[in-house]
PDB file of N, CA and C in Angstrom:
ATOM      1  N   MET A   1     103.731  65.475 129.307  1.00  0.00           N
ATOM      2  CA  MET A   1     102.651  66.105 128.560  1.00  0.00           C
ATOM      3  C   MET A   1     103.017  67.543 128.180  1.00  0.00           C
ATOM      4  N   LYS A   2     103.617  68.255 129.141  1.00  0.00           N
ATOM      5  CA  LYS A   2     104.002  69.639 128.871  1.00  0.00           C
ATOM      6  C   LYS A   2     105.037  69.717 127.763  1.00  0.00           C
ATOM      7  N   LYS A   3     105.949  68.757 127.757  1.00  0.00           N
ATOM      8  CA  LYS A   3     107.000  68.735 126.733  1.00  0.00           C
ATOM      9  C   LYS A   3     106.395  68.503 125.346  1.00  0.00           C
ATOM     10  N   THR A   4     105.439  67.600 125.236  1.00  0.00           N
ATOM     11  CA  THR A   4     104.772  67.317 123.962  1.00  0.00           C
ATOM     12  C   THR A   4     104.016  68.540 123.473  1.00  0.00           C
ATOM     13  N   LEU A   5     103.309  69.186 124.373  1.00  0.00           N
ATOM     14  CA  LEU A   5     102.561  70.392 124.023  1.00  0.00           C
ATOM     15  C   LEU A   5     103.499  71.505 123.547  1.00  0.00           C
ATOM     16  N   LEU A   6     104.624  71.649 124.219  1.00  0.00           N
ATOM     17  CA  LEU A   6     105.609  72.657 123.841  1.00  0.00           C
ATOM     18  C   LEU A   6     106.174  72.370 122.443  1.00  0.00           C
ATOM     19  N   ILE A   7     106.447  71.117 122.151  1.00  0.00           N
ATOM     20  CA  ILE A   7     106.964  70.734 120.826  1.00  0.00           C
ATOM     21  C   ILE A   7     105.931  71.038 119.743  1.00  0.00           C
ATOM     22  N   ILE A   8     104.690  70.686 119.981  1.00  0.00           N
ATOM     23  CA  ILE A   8     103.625  70.947 119.000  1.00  0.00           C
ATOM     24  C   ILE A   8     103.459  72.443 118.774  1.00  0.00           C
ATOM     25  N   LEU A   9     103.452  73.219 119.840  1.00  0.00           N
ATOM     26  CA  LEU A   9     103.321  74.671 119.728  1.00  0.00           C
ATOM     27  C   LEU A   9     104.499  75.262 118.970  1.00  0.00           C
ATOM     28  N   THR A  10     105.704  74.798 119.250  1.00  0.00           N
ATOM     29  CA  THR A  10     106.900  75.288 118.559  1.00  0.00           C
ATOM     30  C   THR A  10     106.832  74.986 117.069  1.00  0.00           C
ATOM     31  N   LEU A  11     106.435  73.776 116.718  1.00  0.00           N
ATOM     32  CA  LEU A  11     106.317  73.405 115.308  1.00  0.00           C
ATOM     33  C   LEU A  11     105.272  74.258 114.594  1.00  0.00           C
ATOM     34  N   PHE A  12     104.148  74.501 115.255  1.00  0.00           N
ATOM     35  CA  PHE A  12     103.099  75.330 114.665  1.00  0.00           C
ATOM     36  C   PHE A  12     103.590  76.744 114.403  1.00  0.00           C
ATOM     37  N   LEU A  13     104.253  77.335 115.385  1.00  0.00           N
ATOM     38  CA  LEU A  13     104.765  78.701 115.235  1.00  0.00           C
ATOM     39  C   LEU A  13     105.833  78.768 114.158  1.00  0.00           C
ATOM     40  N   PHE A  14     106.717  77.787 114.096  1.00  0.00           N
ATOM     41  CA  PHE A  14     107.767  77.753 113.076  1.00  0.00           C
ATOM     42  C   PHE A  14     107.161  77.631 111.689  1.00  0.00           C
ATOM     43  N   GLN A  15     106.167  76.750 111.543  1.00  0.00           N
ATOM     44  CA  GLN A  15     105.517  76.572 110.242  1.00  0.00           C
ATOM     45  C   GLN A  15     104.821  77.852 109.802  1.00  0.00           C
ATOM     46  N   SER A  16     104.139  78.538 110.717  1.00  0.00           N
ATOM     47  CA  SER A  16     103.441  79.780 110.379  1.00  0.00           C
ATOM     48  C   SER A  16     104.412  80.863 109.949  1.00  0.00           C
ATOM     49  N   SER A  17     105.522  81.006 110.678  1.00  0.00           N
ATOM     50  CA  SER A  17     106.483  82.051 110.319  1.00  0.00           C
ATOM     51  C   SER A  17     107.203  81.703 109.027  1.00  0.00           C
ATOM     52  N   THR A  18     107.484  80.427 108.781  1.00  0.00           N
ATOM     53  CA  THR A  18     108.112  80.011 107.529  1.00  0.00           C
ATOM     54  C   THR A  18     107.191  80.300 106.362  1.00  0.00           C
ATOM     55  N   TYR A  19     105.892  80.016 106.528  1.00  0.00           N
ATOM     56  CA  TYR A  19     104.921  80.309 105.473  1.00  0.00           C
ATOM     57  C   TYR A  19     104.883  81.806 105.191  1.00  0.00           C
ATOM     58  N   ALA A  20     104.874  82.631 106.233  1.00  0.00           N
ATOM     59  CA  ALA A  20     104.827  84.089 106.050  1.00  0.00           C
ATOM     60  C   ALA A  20     106.066  84.585 105.315  1.00  0.00           C
ATOM     61  N   ILE A  21     107.226  84.042 105.655  1.00  0.00           N
ATOM     62  CA  ILE A  21     108.462  84.427 104.967  1.00  0.00           C
ATOM     63  C   ILE A  21     108.390  84.007 103.508  1.00  0.00           C
ATOM     64  N   GLY A  22     107.845  82.814 103.237  1.00  0.00           N
ATOM     65  CA  GLY A  22     107.698  82.328 101.864  1.00  0.00           C
ATOM     66  C   GLY A  22     106.794  83.220 101.042  1.00  0.00           C
ATOM     67  N   VAL A  23     105.680  83.659 101.622  1.00  0.00           N
ATOM     68  CA  VAL A  23     104.758  84.554 100.921  1.00  0.00           C
ATOM     69  C   VAL A  23     105.452  85.863 100.576  1.00  0.00           C
ATOM     70  N   LYS A  24     106.140  86.442 101.543  1.00  0.00           N
ATOM     71  CA  LYS A  24     106.800  87.726 101.316  1.00  0.00           C
ATOM     72  C   LYS A  24     107.843  87.607 100.206  1.00  0.00           C
ATOM     73  N   SER A  25     108.666  86.596 100.272  1.00  0.00           N
ATOM     74  CA  SER A  25     109.708  86.405  99.272  1.00  0.00           C
ATOM     75  C   SER A  25     109.109  86.165  97.886  1.00  0.00           C
ATOM     76  N   THR A  26     108.116  85.295  97.822  1.00  0.00           N
ATOM     77  CA  THR A  26     107.488  84.971  96.538  1.00  0.00           C
ATOM     78  C   THR A  26     106.793  86.183  95.944  1.00  0.00           C
ATOM     79  N   MET A  27     105.995  86.873  96.740  1.00  0.00           N
ATOM     80  CA  MET A  27     105.263  88.031  96.220  1.00  0.00           C
ATOM     81  C   MET A  27     106.208  89.156  95.806  1.00  0.00           C
ATOM     82  N   ASN A  28     107.278  89.364  96.546  1.00  0.00           N
ATOM     83  CA  ASN A  28     108.241  90.395  96.154  1.00  0.00           C
ATOM     84  C   ASN A  28     108.868  90.055  94.803  1.00  0.00           C
ATOM     85  N   LYS A  29     109.187  88.777  94.578  1.00  0.00           N
ATOM     86  CA  LYS A  29     109.748  88.357  93.289  1.00  0.00           C
ATOM     87  C   LYS A  29     108.726  88.550  92.162  1.00  0.00           C
ATOM     88  N   ILE A  30     107.487  88.185  92.430  1.00  0.00           N
ATOM     89  CA  ILE A  30     106.430  88.336  91.421  1.00  0.00           C
ATOM     90  C   ILE A  30     106.284  89.796  91.032  1.00  0.00           C
ATOM     91  N   MET A  31     106.106  90.640  92.020  1.00  0.00           N
ATOM     92  CA  MET A  31     105.867  92.053  91.749  1.00  0.00           C
ATOM     93  C   MET A  31     107.080  92.703  91.089  1.00  0.00           C
ATOM     94  N   ASP A  32     108.263  92.350  91.565  1.00  0.00           N
ATOM     95  CA  ASP A  32     109.487  92.916  91.015  1.00  0.00           C
ATOM     96  C   ASP A  32     109.704  92.491  89.557  1.00  0.00           C
ATOM     97  N   SER A  33     109.163  91.335  89.183  1.00  0.00           N
ATOM     98  CA  SER A  33     109.325  90.861  87.804  1.00  0.00           C
ATOM     99  C   SER A  33     108.631  91.772  86.794  1.00  0.00           C
ATOM    100  N   TRP A  34     107.736  92.618  87.251  1.00  0.00           N
ATOM    101  CA  TRP A  34     106.986  93.510  86.359  1.00  0.00           C
ATOM    102  C   TRP A  34     107.600  94.904  86.242  1.00  0.00           C
ATOM    103  N   ASN A  35     108.613  95.237  87.040  1.00  0.00           N
ATOM    104  CA  ASN A  35     109.240  96.565  86.953  1.00  0.00           C
ATOM    105  C   ASN A  35     109.714  96.845  85.535  1.00  0.00           C
ATOM    106  N   GLY A  36     109.382  98.032  85.027  1.00  0.00           N
ATOM    107  CA  GLY A  36     109.810  98.444  83.696  1.00  0.00           C
ATOM    108  C   GLY A  36     108.930  97.934  82.573  1.00  0.00           C
ATOM    109  N   GLU A  37     107.926  97.139  82.890  1.00  0.00           N
ATOM    110  CA  GLU A  37     107.017  96.572  81.878  1.00  0.00           C
ATOM    111  C   GLU A  37     105.854  97.525  81.643  1.00  0.00           C
ATOM    112  N   HIS A  38     105.294  97.501  80.450  1.00  0.00           N
ATOM    113  CA  HIS A  38     104.110  98.299  80.138  1.00  0.00           C
ATOM    114  C   HIS A  38     102.898  97.668  80.820  1.00  0.00           C
ATOM    115  N   ILE A  39     101.999  98.478  81.333  1.00  0.00           N
ATOM    116  CA  ILE A  39     100.842  97.980  82.082  1.00  0.00           C
ATOM    117  C   ILE A  39      99.963  97.057  81.234  1.00  0.00           C
ATOM    118  N   ASP A  40      99.948  97.259  79.908  1.00  0.00           N
ATOM    119  CA  ASP A  40      99.139  96.391  79.041  1.00  0.00           C
ATOM    120  C   ASP A  40      99.603  94.939  79.084  1.00  0.00           C
ATOM    121  N   VAL A  41     100.894  94.716  79.331  1.00  0.00           N
ATOM    122  CA  VAL A  41     101.416  93.350  79.424  1.00  0.00           C
ATOM    123  C   VAL A  41     100.849  92.675  80.675  1.00  0.00           C
ATOM    124  N   VAL A  42     100.757  93.418  81.766  1.00  0.00           N
ATOM    125  CA  VAL A  42     100.162  92.882  82.995  1.00  0.00           C
ATOM    126  C   VAL A  42      98.690  92.570  82.757  1.00  0.00           C
ATOM    127  N   ILE A  43      97.979  93.483  82.121  1.00  0.00           N
ATOM    128  CA  ILE A  43      96.552  93.276  81.848  1.00  0.00           C
ATOM    129  C   ILE A  43      96.344  92.058  80.957  1.00  0.00           C
ATOM    130  N   ASP A  44      97.225  91.852  79.994  1.00  0.00           N
ATOM    131  CA  ASP A  44      97.131  90.662  79.139  1.00  0.00           C
ATOM    132  C   ASP A  44      97.291  89.383  79.958  1.00  0.00           C
ATOM    133  N   LYS A  45      98.123  89.414  80.982  1.00  0.00           N
ATOM    134  CA  LYS A  45      98.401  88.233  81.811  1.00  0.00           C
ATOM    135  C   LYS A  45      97.362  88.045  82.918  1.00  0.00           C
ATOM    136  N   TRP A  46      96.993  89.117  83.616  1.00  0.00           N
ATOM    137  CA  TRP A  46      96.128  89.029  84.790  1.00  0.00           C
ATOM    138  C   TRP A  46      94.662  89.365  84.520  1.00  0.00           C
ATOM    139  N   GLY A  47      94.370  89.950  83.372  1.00  0.00           N
ATOM    140  CA  GLY A  47      93.022  90.443  83.135  1.00  0.00           C
ATOM    141  C   GLY A  47      92.905  91.884  83.609  1.00  0.00           C
ATOM    142  N   TYR A  48      91.726  92.448  83.434  1.00  0.00           N
ATOM    143  CA  TYR A  48      91.535  93.852  83.811  1.00  0.00           C
ATOM    144  C   TYR A  48      91.647  94.038  85.326  1.00  0.00           C
ATOM    145  N   PRO A  49      92.193  95.184  85.751  1.00  0.00           N
ATOM    146  CA  PRO A  49      92.301  95.435  87.194  1.00  0.00           C
ATOM    147  C   PRO A  49      90.939  95.658  87.826  1.00  0.00           C
ATOM    148  N   SER A  50      90.888  95.489  89.130  1.00  0.00           N
ATOM    149  CA  SER A  50      89.656  95.750  89.885  1.00  0.00           C
ATOM    150  C   SER A  50      89.316  97.228  89.858  1.00  0.00           C
ATOM    151  N   SER A  51      90.375  98.048  89.878  1.00  0.00           N
ATOM    152  CA  SER A  51      90.165  99.488  89.827  1.00  0.00           C
ATOM    153  C   SER A  51      91.423 100.184  89.326  1.00  0.00           C
ATOM    154  N   GLU A  52      91.214 101.411  88.910  1.00  0.00           N
ATOM    155  CA  GLU A  52      92.302 102.274  88.469  1.00  0.00           C
ATOM    156  C   GLU A  52      92.076 103.610  89.163  1.00  0.00           C
ATOM    157  N   LYS A  53      93.128 104.135  89.789  1.00  0.00           N
ATOM    158  CA  LYS A  53      92.963 105.376  90.543  1.00  0.00           C
ATOM    159  C   LYS A  53      94.109 106.325  90.255  1.00  0.00           C
ATOM    160  N   ASN A  54      93.801 107.613  90.357  1.00  0.00           N
ATOM    161  CA  ASN A  54      94.828 108.639  90.301  1.00  0.00           C
ATOM    162  C   ASN A  54      94.785 109.344  91.645  1.00  0.00           C
ATOM    163  N   ILE A  55      95.834 109.124  92.440  1.00  0.00           N
ATOM    164  CA  ILE A  55      95.890 109.705  93.774  1.00  0.00           C
ATOM    165  C   ILE A  55      97.121 110.598  93.857  1.00  0.00           C
ATOM    166  N   ALA A  56      96.884 111.884  94.065  1.00  0.00           N
ATOM    167  CA  ALA A  56      97.960 112.872  94.199  1.00  0.00           C
ATOM    168  C   ALA A  56      98.953 112.780  93.039  1.00  0.00           C
ATOM    169  N   GLY A  57      98.419 112.611  91.845  1.00  0.00           N
ATOM    170  CA  GLY A  57      99.266 112.564  90.652  1.00  0.00           C
ATOM    171  C   GLY A  57      99.912 111.212  90.384  1.00  0.00           C
ATOM    172  N   HIS A  58      99.575 110.205  91.160  1.00  0.00           N
ATOM    173  CA  HIS A  58     100.119 108.856  90.968  1.00  0.00           C
ATOM    174  C   HIS A  58      99.058 107.990  90.298  1.00  0.00           C
ATOM    175  N   ASN A  59      99.407 107.406  89.145  1.00  0.00           N
ATOM    176  CA  ASN A  59      98.485 106.535  88.411  1.00  0.00           C
ATOM    177  C   ASN A  59      98.639 105.106  88.909  1.00  0.00           C
ATOM    178  N   LEU A  60      97.569 104.584  89.528  1.00  0.00           N
ATOM    179  CA  LEU A  60      97.612 103.273  90.162  1.00  0.00           C
ATOM    180  C   LEU A  60      96.631 102.307  89.509  1.00  0.00           C
ATOM    181  N   TYR A  61      97.088 101.075  89.327  1.00  0.00           N
ATOM    182  CA  TYR A  61      96.247  99.974  88.859  1.00  0.00           C
ATOM    183  C   TYR A  61      96.200  98.953  89.982  1.00  0.00           C
ATOM    184  N   ILE A  62      94.981  98.536  90.352  1.00  0.00           N
ATOM    185  CA  ILE A  62      94.795  97.694  91.535  1.00  0.00           C
ATOM    186  C   ILE A  62      94.048  96.412  91.172  1.00  0.00           C
ATOM    187  N   TRP A  63      94.638  95.292  91.543  1.00  0.00           N
ATOM    188  CA  TRP A  63      93.990  93.989  91.415  1.00  0.00           C
ATOM    189  C   TRP A  63      93.711  93.486  92.818  1.00  0.00           C
ATOM    190  N   ASP A  64      92.462  93.126  93.089  1.00  0.00           N
ATOM    191  CA  ASP A  64      92.079  92.644  94.409  1.00  0.00           C
ATOM    192  C   ASP A  64      91.080  91.523  94.237  1.00  0.00           C
ATOM    193  N   ASN A  65      91.442  90.323  94.693  1.00  0.00           N
ATOM    194  CA  ASN A  65      90.502  89.212  94.556  1.00  0.00           C
ATOM    195  C   ASN A  65      89.472  89.181  95.680  1.00  0.00           C
ATOM    196  N   GLY A  66      89.543  90.139  96.601  1.00  0.00           N
ATOM    197  CA  GLY A  66      88.487  90.381  97.588  1.00  0.00           C
ATOM    198  C   GLY A  66      88.126  89.227  98.491  1.00  0.00           C
ATOM    199  N   THR A  67      86.841  89.024  98.689  1.00  0.00           N
ATOM    200  CA  THR A  67      86.339  88.014  99.611  1.00  0.00           C
ATOM    201  C   THR A  67      85.582  86.945  98.837  1.00  0.00           C
ATOM    202  N   ALA A  68      85.335  85.844  99.488  1.00  0.00           N
ATOM    203  CA  ALA A  68      84.632  84.738  98.846  1.00  0.00           C
ATOM    204  C   ALA A  68      83.579  84.169  99.792  1.00  0.00           C
ATOM    205  N   LEU A  69      82.489  83.705  99.208  1.00  0.00           N
ATOM    206  CA  LEU A  69      81.462  83.007  99.978  1.00  0.00           C
ATOM    207  C   LEU A  69      81.778  81.520  99.920  1.00  0.00           C
ATOM    208  N   THR A  70      81.819  80.876 101.078  1.00  0.00           N
ATOM    209  CA  THR A  70      82.062  79.443 101.127  1.00  0.00           C
ATOM    210  C   THR A  70      80.995  78.792 101.983  1.00  0.00           C
ATOM    211  N   GLU A  71      80.853  77.499 101.805  1.00  0.00           N
ATOM    212  CA  GLU A  71      79.851  76.774 102.574  1.00  0.00           C
ATOM    213  C   GLU A  71      80.560  75.687 103.386  1.00  0.00           C
ATOM    214  N   ASN A  72      80.252  75.607 104.673  1.00  0.00           N
ATOM    215  CA  ASN A  72      80.876  74.572 105.490  1.00  0.00           C
ATOM    216  C   ASN A  72      80.072  73.278 105.408  1.00  0.00           C
ATOM    217  N   LYS A  73      80.520  72.248 106.121  1.00  0.00           N
ATOM    218  CA  LYS A  73      79.871  70.936 106.002  1.00  0.00           C
ATOM    219  C   LYS A  73      78.454  70.903 106.570  1.00  0.00           C
ATOM    220  N   TRP A  74      78.063  71.929 107.313  1.00  0.00           N
ATOM    221  CA  TRP A  74      76.701  71.997 107.846  1.00  0.00           C
ATOM    222  C   TRP A  74      75.784  72.849 106.974  1.00  0.00           C
ATOM    223  N   GLY A  75      76.306  73.327 105.843  1.00  0.00           N
ATOM    224  CA  GLY A  75      75.485  74.117 104.930  1.00  0.00           C
ATOM    225  C   GLY A  75      75.446  75.598 105.246  1.00  0.00           C
ATOM    226  N   THR A  76      76.236  76.036 106.215  1.00  0.00           N
ATOM    227  CA  THR A  76      76.273  77.446 106.578  1.00  0.00           C
ATOM    228  C   THR A  76      77.186  78.191 105.617  1.00  0.00           C
ATOM    229  N   VAL A  77      76.678  79.289 105.065  1.00  0.00           N
ATOM    230  CA  VAL A  77      77.476  80.101 104.145  1.00  0.00           C
ATOM    231  C   VAL A  77      78.306  81.088 104.959  1.00  0.00           C
ATOM    232  N   LEU A  78      79.588  81.107 104.682  1.00  0.00           N
ATOM    233  CA  LEU A  78      80.513  81.972 105.410  1.00  0.00           C
ATOM    234  C   LEU A  78      81.163  82.954 104.454  1.00  0.00           C
ATOM    235  N   LEU A  79      81.460  84.128 104.937  1.00  0.00           N
ATOM    236  CA  LEU A  79      82.193  85.120 104.174  1.00  0.00           C
ATOM    237  C   LEU A  79      83.646  85.062 104.621  1.00  0.00           C
ATOM    238  N   GLU A  80      84.516  84.646 103.725  1.00  0.00           N
ATOM    239  CA  GLU A  80      85.932  84.509 104.060  1.00  0.00           C
ATOM    240  C   GLU A  80      86.741  85.615 103.416  1.00  0.00           C
ATOM    241  N   GLN A  81      87.686  86.130 104.168  1.00  0.00           N
ATOM    242  CA  GLN A  81      88.618  87.120 103.635  1.00  0.00           C
ATOM    243  C   GLN A  81      89.695  86.367 102.878  1.00  0.00           C
ATOM    244  N   GLN A  82      89.698  86.474 101.567  1.00  0.00           N
ATOM    245  CA  GLN A  82      90.698  85.810 100.735  1.00  0.00           C
ATOM    246  C   GLN A  82      91.313  86.850  99.818  1.00  0.00           C
ATOM    247  N   SER A  83      92.033  87.758 100.395  1.00  0.00           N
ATOM    248  CA  SER A  83      92.515  88.858  99.580  1.00  0.00           C
ATOM    249  C   SER A  83      94.009  88.795  99.347  1.00  0.00           C
ATOM    250  N   CYS A  84      94.366  89.237  98.172  1.00  0.00           N
ATOM    251  CA  CYS A  84      95.762  89.473  97.832  1.00  0.00           C
ATOM    252  C   CYS A  84      95.726  90.673  96.887  1.00  0.00           C
ATOM    253  N   THR A  85      95.895  91.832  97.453  1.00  0.00           N
ATOM    254  CA  THR A  85      95.817  93.068  96.684  1.00  0.00           C
ATOM    255  C   THR A  85      97.178  93.376  96.087  1.00  0.00           C
ATOM    256  N   ARG A  86      97.189  93.629  94.767  1.00  0.00           N
ATOM    257  CA  ARG A  86      98.423  93.969  94.060  1.00  0.00           C
ATOM    258  C   ARG A  86      98.234  95.326  93.406  1.00  0.00           C
ATOM    259  N   ILE A  87      99.174  96.233  93.634  1.00  0.00           N
ATOM    260  CA  ILE A  87      99.068  97.606  93.133  1.00  0.00           C
ATOM    261  C   ILE A  87     100.322  97.962  92.345  1.00  0.00           C
ATOM    262  N   PHE A  88     100.107  98.478  91.138  1.00  0.00           N
ATOM    263  CA  PHE A  88     101.214  98.991  90.331  1.00  0.00           C
ATOM    264  C   PHE A  88     101.024 100.475  90.108  1.00  0.00           C
ATOM    265  N   GLU A  89     102.119 101.221  90.208  1.00  0.00           N
ATOM    266  CA  GLU A  89     102.122 102.630  89.820  1.00  0.00           C
ATOM    267  C   GLU A  89     102.836 102.725  88.484  1.00  0.00           C
ATOM    268  N   VAL A  90     102.250 103.508  87.571  1.00  0.00           N
ATOM    269  CA  VAL A  90     102.855 103.674  86.248  1.00  0.00           C
ATOM    270  C   VAL A  90     103.213 105.132  86.013  1.00  0.00           C
ATOM    271  N   ASP A  91     104.183 105.343  85.118  1.00  0.00           N
ATOM    272  CA  ASP A  91     104.556 106.706  84.750  1.00  0.00           C
ATOM    273  C   ASP A  91     103.676 107.178  83.594  1.00  0.00           C
ATOM    274  N   ASN A  92     104.008 108.306  82.990  1.00  0.00           N
ATOM    275  CA  ASN A  92     103.199 108.862  81.899  1.00  0.00           C
ATOM    276  C   ASN A  92     103.195 107.995  80.643  1.00  0.00           C
ATOM    277  N   ASN A  93     104.172 107.091  80.507  1.00  0.00           N
ATOM    278  CA  ASN A  93     104.218 106.162  79.374  1.00  0.00           C
ATOM    279  C   ASN A  93     103.557 104.825  79.703  1.00  0.00           C
ATOM    280  N   ASN A  94     102.883 104.760  80.854  1.00  0.00           N
ATOM    281  CA  ASN A  94     102.237 103.532  81.349  1.00  0.00           C
ATOM    282  C   ASN A  94     103.218 102.404  81.613  1.00  0.00           C
ATOM    283  N   THR A  95     104.430 102.775  81.987  1.00  0.00           N
ATOM    284  CA  THR A  95     105.458 101.812  82.374  1.00  0.00           C
ATOM    285  C   THR A  95     105.451 101.693  83.893  1.00  0.00           C
ATOM    286  N   ILE A  96     105.533 100.469  84.387  1.00  0.00           N
ATOM    287  CA  ILE A  96     105.501 100.231  85.827  1.00  0.00           C
ATOM    288  C   ILE A  96     106.777 100.758  86.469  1.00  0.00           C
ATOM    289  N   ILE A  97     106.582 101.614  87.484  1.00  0.00           N
ATOM    290  CA  ILE A  97     107.733 102.199  88.175  1.00  0.00           C
ATOM    291  C   ILE A  97     107.785 101.814  89.654  1.00  0.00           C
ATOM    292  N   LYS A  98     106.643 101.444  90.237  1.00  0.00           N
ATOM    293  CA  LYS A  98     106.590 101.045  91.648  1.00  0.00           C
ATOM    294  C   LYS A  98     105.497 100.012  91.826  1.00  0.00           C
ATOM    295  N   TRP A  99     105.587  99.288  92.917  1.00  0.00           N
ATOM    296  CA  TRP A  99     104.557  98.299  93.231  1.00  0.00           C
ATOM    297  C   TRP A  99     104.442  98.119  94.738  1.00  0.00           C
ATOM    298  N   GLN A 100     103.322  97.532  95.130  1.00  0.00           N
ATOM    299  CA  GLN A 100     103.141  97.092  96.501  1.00  0.00           C
ATOM    300  C   GLN A 100     102.071  96.016  96.528  1.00  0.00           C
ATOM    301  N   TRP A 101     102.076  95.244  97.565  1.00  0.00           N
ATOM    302  CA  TRP A 101     101.067  94.195  97.723  1.00  0.00           C
ATOM    303  C   TRP A 101     100.761  94.015  99.203  1.00  0.00           C
ATOM    304  N   LYS A 102      99.601  93.430  99.463  1.00  0.00           N
ATOM    305  CA  LYS A 102      99.231  93.077 100.833  1.00  0.00           C
ATOM    306  C   LYS A 102      98.164  92.004 100.753  1.00  0.00           C
ATOM    307  N   GLY A 103      98.059  91.206 101.797  1.00  0.00           N
ATOM    308  CA  GLY A 103      96.997  90.215 101.796  1.00  0.00           C
ATOM    309  C   GLY A 103      97.326  88.965 102.572  1.00  0.00           C
ATOM    310  N   VAL A 104      96.296  88.148 102.736  1.00  0.00           N
ATOM    311  CA  VAL A 104      96.416  86.915 103.484  1.00  0.00           C
ATOM    312  C   VAL A 104      96.288  85.686 102.583  1.00  0.00           C
ATOM    313  N   ASP A 105      96.018  85.894 101.326  1.00  0.00           N
ATOM    314  CA  ASP A 105      95.813  84.773 100.416  1.00  0.00           C
ATOM    315  C   ASP A 105      96.712  84.906  99.187  1.00  0.00           C
ATOM    316  N   CYS A 106      97.947  85.327  99.401  1.00  0.00           N
ATOM    317  CA  CYS A 106      98.908  85.485  98.309  1.00  0.00           C
ATOM    318  C   CYS A 106      99.723  84.201  98.178  1.00  0.00           C
ATOM    319  N   PRO A 107     100.229  83.926  96.983  1.00  0.00           N
ATOM    320  CA  PRO A 107     101.021  82.707  96.788  1.00  0.00           C
ATOM    321  C   PRO A 107     102.282  82.696  97.652  1.00  0.00           C
ATOM    322  N   ALA A 108     102.652  81.491  98.108  1.00  0.00           N
ATOM    323  CA  ALA A 108     103.841  81.345  98.950  1.00  0.00           C
ATOM    324  C   ALA A 108     104.983  80.649  98.224  1.00  0.00           C
ATOM    325  N   THR A 109     104.705  80.059  97.071  1.00  0.00           N
ATOM    326  CA  THR A 109     105.743  79.336  96.334  1.00  0.00           C
ATOM    327  C   THR A 109     105.637  79.649  94.852  1.00  0.00           C
ATOM    328  N   TYR A 110     106.687  79.334  94.133  1.00  0.00           N
ATOM    329  CA  TYR A 110     106.653  79.536  92.685  1.00  0.00           C
ATOM    330  C   TYR A 110     105.531  78.720  92.044  1.00  0.00           C
ATOM    331  N   CYS A 111     105.340  77.497  92.508  1.00  0.00           N
ATOM    332  CA  CYS A 111     104.313  76.631  91.917  1.00  0.00           C
ATOM    333  C   CYS A 111     102.922  77.235  92.020  1.00  0.00           C
ATOM    334  N   THR A 112     102.645  77.941  93.108  1.00  0.00           N
ATOM    335  CA  THR A 112     101.317  78.540  93.283  1.00  0.00           C
ATOM    336  C   THR A 112     101.230  79.943  92.703  1.00  0.00           C
ATOM    337  N   SER A 113     102.326  80.447  92.158  1.00  0.00           N
ATOM    338  CA  SER A 113     102.328  81.829  91.669  1.00  0.00           C
ATOM    339  C   SER A 113     102.573  81.949  90.166  1.00  0.00           C
ATOM    340  N   LYS A 114     102.657  80.842  89.455  1.00  0.00           N
ATOM    341  CA  LYS A 114     103.010  80.864  88.032  1.00  0.00           C
ATOM    342  C   LYS A 114     102.107  81.789  87.216  1.00  0.00           C
ATOM    343  N   LYS A 115     100.828  81.845  87.565  1.00  0.00           N
ATOM    344  CA  LYS A 115      99.894  82.660  86.785  1.00  0.00           C
ATOM    345  C   LYS A 115     100.118  84.163  86.976  1.00  0.00           C
ATOM    346  N   TRP A 116     100.906  84.553  87.986  1.00  0.00           N
ATOM    347  CA  TRP A 116     101.129  85.975  88.249  1.00  0.00           C
ATOM    348  C   TRP A 116     102.502  86.472  87.826  1.00  0.00           C
ATOM    349  N   VAL A 117     103.427  85.573  87.527  1.00  0.00           N
ATOM    350  CA  VAL A 117     104.798  85.968  87.192  1.00  0.00           C
ATOM    351  C   VAL A 117     104.861  86.513  85.765  1.00  0.00           C
ATOM    352  N   ASN A 118     105.689  87.532  85.580  1.00  0.00           N
ATOM    353  CA  ASN A 118     105.908  88.118  84.255  1.00  0.00           C
ATOM    354  C   ASN A 118     106.599  87.080  83.367  1.00  0.00           C
ATOM    355  N   PRO A 119     105.952  86.659  82.265  1.00  0.00           N
ATOM    356  CA  PRO A 119     106.578  85.644  81.405  1.00  0.00           C
ATOM    357  C   PRO A 119     107.838  86.166  80.708  1.00  0.00           C
ATOM    358  N   ASN A 120     107.975  87.475  80.598  1.00  0.00           N
ATOM    359  CA  ASN A 120     109.153  88.073  79.962  1.00  0.00           C
ATOM    360  C   ASN A 120     110.316  88.247  80.933  1.00  0.00           C
ATOM    361  N   ASN A 121     110.055  88.094  82.237  1.00  0.00           N
ATOM    362  CA  ASN A 121     111.084  88.325  83.250  1.00  0.00           C
ATOM    363  C   ASN A 121     110.835  87.434  84.457  1.00  0.00           C
ATOM    364  N   ASN A 122     110.860  86.129  84.242  1.00  0.00           N
ATOM    365  CA  ASN A 122     110.576  85.170  85.305  1.00  0.00           C
ATOM    366  C   ASN A 122     111.803  85.019  86.199  1.00  0.00           C
ATOM    367  N   PRO A 123     111.710  85.425  87.467  1.00  0.00           N
ATOM    368  CA  PRO A 123     112.870  85.352  88.356  1.00  0.00           C
ATOM    369  C   PRO A 123     113.297  83.930  88.698  1.00  0.00           C
ATOM    370  N   TRP A 124     112.449  82.941  88.450  1.00  0.00           N
ATOM    371  CA  TRP A 124     112.788  81.558  88.739  1.00  0.00           C
ATOM    372  C   TRP A 124     113.396  80.823  87.535  1.00  0.00           C
ATOM    373  N   ARG A 125     113.340  81.443  86.370  1.00  0.00           N
ATOM    374  CA  ARG A 125     113.876  80.816  85.164  1.00  0.00           C
ATOM    375  C   ARG A 125     115.391  80.939  85.153  1.00  0.00           C
ATOM    376  N   LYS A 126     116.039  79.844  84.826  1.00  0.00           N
ATOM    377  CA  LYS A 126     117.506  79.878  84.731  1.00  0.00           C
ATOM    378  C   LYS A 126     117.888  80.696  83.525  1.00  0.00           C
ATOM    379  N   LYS A 127     118.922  81.511  83.697  1.00  0.00           N
ATOM    380  CA  LYS A 127     119.361  82.401  82.603  1.00  0.00           C
ATOM    381  C   LYS A 127     120.590  81.864  81.938  1.00  0.00           C
TER     382      LYS A 127
END
């Protein structure tokens, strides 16, 4: 019994860490695909940002899908954290110069991230 439990626990931990590595790799490729692009191209693809901020002279555009209300099978409404925050910094010409992301609901594979990839610089497209 202990051996079976150990195998199940090992598989669970391996799957979780593999998923986390997949998210990091995928999101880094997505965000990196926008380097050097004008912010209007991102807005055309993703829609308007959730917010725009100027912090210490840095112009930031922020997309955050925030939280969602869901209902379980008993009819109870739950507030779920479903965030994937994406931030771009632009220069004075509105060209993307830096990026960062964080979240628990970001795409882990190319198939789930197609809507976020730069169509002009798709890292998964064969060249």
